[in-house]
């Protein structure tokens, strides 16, 4: 579950910078984000935590990116920015 990304992902949520380099980092971001979508994110966390094989890890990363896109699409101006 702790496989690193090839590059890091830097996300700003409510003025706080989060750097995602691993699936464990992604779990921390999902759990710490203050946004209405995070109330429905436990299934995403379960998927990330269960990602033990390379195939499942790839799917977990795709799920994280999709979740971040959904957050970005519904965020108020300045709440969520990817760098």
C-alpha atoms as a PDB file:
ATOM      1  CA  UNK A   1       0.000   0.000   0.000  1.00  0.00           C
ATOM      2  CA  UNK A   2       2.893   2.380   0.404  1.00  0.00           C
ATOM      3  CA  UNK A   3       4.114   2.416  -3.186  1.00  0.00           C
ATOM      4  CA  UNK A   4       5.278   5.894  -4.166  1.00  0.00           C
ATOM      5  CA  UNK A   5       3.964   7.814  -7.143  1.00  0.00           C
ATOM      6  CA  UNK A   6       6.362   8.544  -9.966  1.00  0.00           C
ATOM      7  CA  UNK A   7       5.868  12.242  -9.187  1.00  0.00           C
ATOM      8  CA  UNK A   8       4.345  13.996  -6.242  1.00  0.00           C
ATOM      9  CA  UNK A   9       0.979  15.702  -6.269  1.00  0.00           C
ATOM     10  CA  UNK A  10       0.695  18.989  -4.417  1.00  0.00           C
ATOM     11  CA  UNK A  11      -2.811  20.049  -3.433  1.00  0.00           C
ATOM     12  CA  UNK A  12      -3.945  23.130  -1.552  1.00  0.00           C
ATOM     13  CA  UNK A  13      -7.092  22.694   0.542  1.00  0.00           C
ATOM     14  CA  UNK A  14      -8.320  25.623   2.633  1.00  0.00           C
ATOM     15  CA  UNK A  15      -4.914  27.280   2.418  1.00  0.00           C
ATOM     16  CA  UNK A  16      -3.035  24.189   3.578  1.00  0.00           C
ATOM     17  CA  UNK A  17      -0.621  22.376   1.289  1.00  0.00           C
ATOM     18  CA  UNK A  18      -0.798  18.583   1.079  1.00  0.00           C
ATOM     19  CA  UNK A  19       1.860  16.601  -0.796  1.00  0.00           C
ATOM     20  CA  UNK A  20       0.761  13.167  -1.996  1.00  0.00           C
ATOM     21  CA  UNK A  21       3.659  10.801  -2.712  1.00  0.00           C
ATOM     22  CA  UNK A  22       2.071   7.528  -1.625  1.00  0.00           C
ATOM     23  CA  UNK A  23      -1.265   5.853  -1.089  1.00  0.00           C
ATOM     24  CA  UNK A  24      -0.833   6.476   2.651  1.00  0.00           C
ATOM     25  CA  UNK A  25      -0.464  10.205   1.910  1.00  0.00           C
ATOM     26  CA  UNK A  26      -3.637  10.024  -0.191  1.00  0.00           C
ATOM     27  CA  UNK A  27      -5.549   8.489   2.723  1.00  0.00           C
ATOM     28  CA  UNK A  28      -4.404  11.333   4.969  1.00  0.00           C
ATOM     29  CA  UNK A  29      -5.616  13.914   2.438  1.00  0.00           C
ATOM     30  CA  UNK A  30      -8.962  12.183   1.948  1.00  0.00           C
ATOM     31  CA  UNK A  31      -9.527  12.037   5.699  1.00  0.00           C
ATOM     32  CA  UNK A  32      -8.374  15.603   6.400  1.00  0.00           C
ATOM     33  CA  UNK A  33     -10.191  17.447   3.607  1.00  0.00           C
ATOM     34  CA  UNK A  34     -13.059  19.604   4.833  1.00  0.00           C
ATOM     35  CA  UNK A  35     -15.570  19.294   2.023  1.00  0.00           C
ATOM     36  CA  UNK A  36     -19.058  17.757   1.799  1.00  0.00           C
ATOM     37  CA  UNK A  37     -17.750  14.956  -0.457  1.00  0.00           C
ATOM     38  CA  UNK A  38     -15.464  13.698   2.302  1.00  0.00           C
ATOM     39  CA  UNK A  39     -18.520  12.456   4.205  1.00  0.00           C
ATOM     40  CA  UNK A  40     -18.826   9.776   1.500  1.00  0.00           C
ATOM     41  CA  UNK A  41     -15.142   8.901   1.180  1.00  0.00           C
ATOM     42  CA  UNK A  42     -14.813   5.850   3.450  1.00  0.00           C
ATOM     43  CA  UNK A  43     -15.288   3.491   0.499  1.00  0.00           C
ATOM     44  CA  UNK A  44     -12.412   5.258  -1.247  1.00  0.00           C
ATOM     45  CA  UNK A  45     -10.250   4.860   1.857  1.00  0.00           C
ATOM     46  CA  UNK A  46     -11.206   1.165   2.010  1.00  0.00           C
ATOM     47  CA  UNK A  47     -10.173   0.746  -1.635  1.00  0.00           C
ATOM     48  CA  UNK A  48      -6.837   2.472  -1.047  1.00  0.00           C
ATOM     49  CA  UNK A  49      -6.108   0.404   2.064  1.00  0.00           C
ATOM     50  CA  UNK A  50      -6.937  -2.839   0.228  1.00  0.00           C
ATOM     51  CA  UNK A  51      -4.652  -2.054  -2.706  1.00  0.00           C
ATOM     52  CA  UNK A  52      -1.977  -4.684  -2.171  1.00  0.00           C
ATOM     53  CA  UNK A  53      -1.231  -5.741  -5.756  1.00  0.00           C
ATOM     54  CA  UNK A  54       0.117  -3.451  -8.501  1.00  0.00           C
ATOM     55  CA  UNK A  55      -3.197  -3.703 -10.381  1.00  0.00           C
ATOM     56  CA  UNK A  56      -5.197  -2.667  -7.326  1.00  0.00           C
ATOM     57  CA  UNK A  57      -2.737   0.143  -6.566  1.00  0.00           C
ATOM     58  CA  UNK A  58      -3.189   1.481 -10.102  1.00  0.00           C
ATOM     59  CA  UNK A  59      -6.962   1.410  -9.618  1.00  0.00           C
ATOM     60  CA  UNK A  60      -6.595   3.157  -6.269  1.00  0.00           C
ATOM     61  CA  UNK A  61      -4.566   5.961  -7.875  1.00  0.00           C
ATOM     62  CA  UNK A  62      -7.247   6.374 -10.562  1.00  0.00           C
ATOM     63  CA  UNK A  63      -9.897   6.547  -7.847  1.00  0.00           C
ATOM     64  CA  UNK A  64      -7.886   9.204  -5.984  1.00  0.00           C
ATOM     65  CA  UNK A  65      -7.520  11.317  -9.128  1.00  0.00           C
ATOM     66  CA  UNK A  66     -11.248  10.979  -9.827  1.00  0.00           C
ATOM     67  CA  UNK A  67     -12.054  11.985  -6.237  1.00  0.00           C
ATOM     68  CA  UNK A  68      -9.740  15.014  -6.478  1.00  0.00           C
ATOM     69  CA  UNK A  69     -11.372  16.034  -9.760  1.00  0.00           C
ATOM     70  CA  UNK A  70     -14.796  15.804  -8.103  1.00  0.00           C
ATOM     71  CA  UNK A  71     -13.541  17.868  -5.171  1.00  0.00           C
ATOM     72  CA  UNK A  72     -12.068  20.460  -7.502  1.00  0.00           C
ATOM     73  CA  UNK A  73     -15.271  20.613  -9.555  1.00  0.00           C
ATOM     74  CA  UNK A  74     -17.413  21.264  -6.479  1.00  0.00           C
ATOM     75  CA  UNK A  75     -14.964  23.354  -4.417  1.00  0.00           C
ATOM     76  CA  UNK A  76     -15.538  27.022  -3.719  1.00  0.00           C
ATOM     77  CA  UNK A  77     -13.002  29.340  -5.300  1.00  0.00           C
ATOM     78  CA  UNK A  78      -9.615  29.000  -3.615  1.00  0.00           C
ATOM     79  CA  UNK A  79     -10.581  25.993  -1.522  1.00  0.00           C
ATOM     80  CA  UNK A  80      -8.873  23.373  -3.652  1.00  0.00           C
ATOM     81  CA  UNK A  81      -6.014  23.950  -6.044  1.00  0.00           C
ATOM     82  CA  UNK A  82      -3.608  21.445  -7.567  1.00  0.00           C
ATOM     83  CA  UNK A  83      -0.050  22.544  -8.210  1.00  0.00           C
END
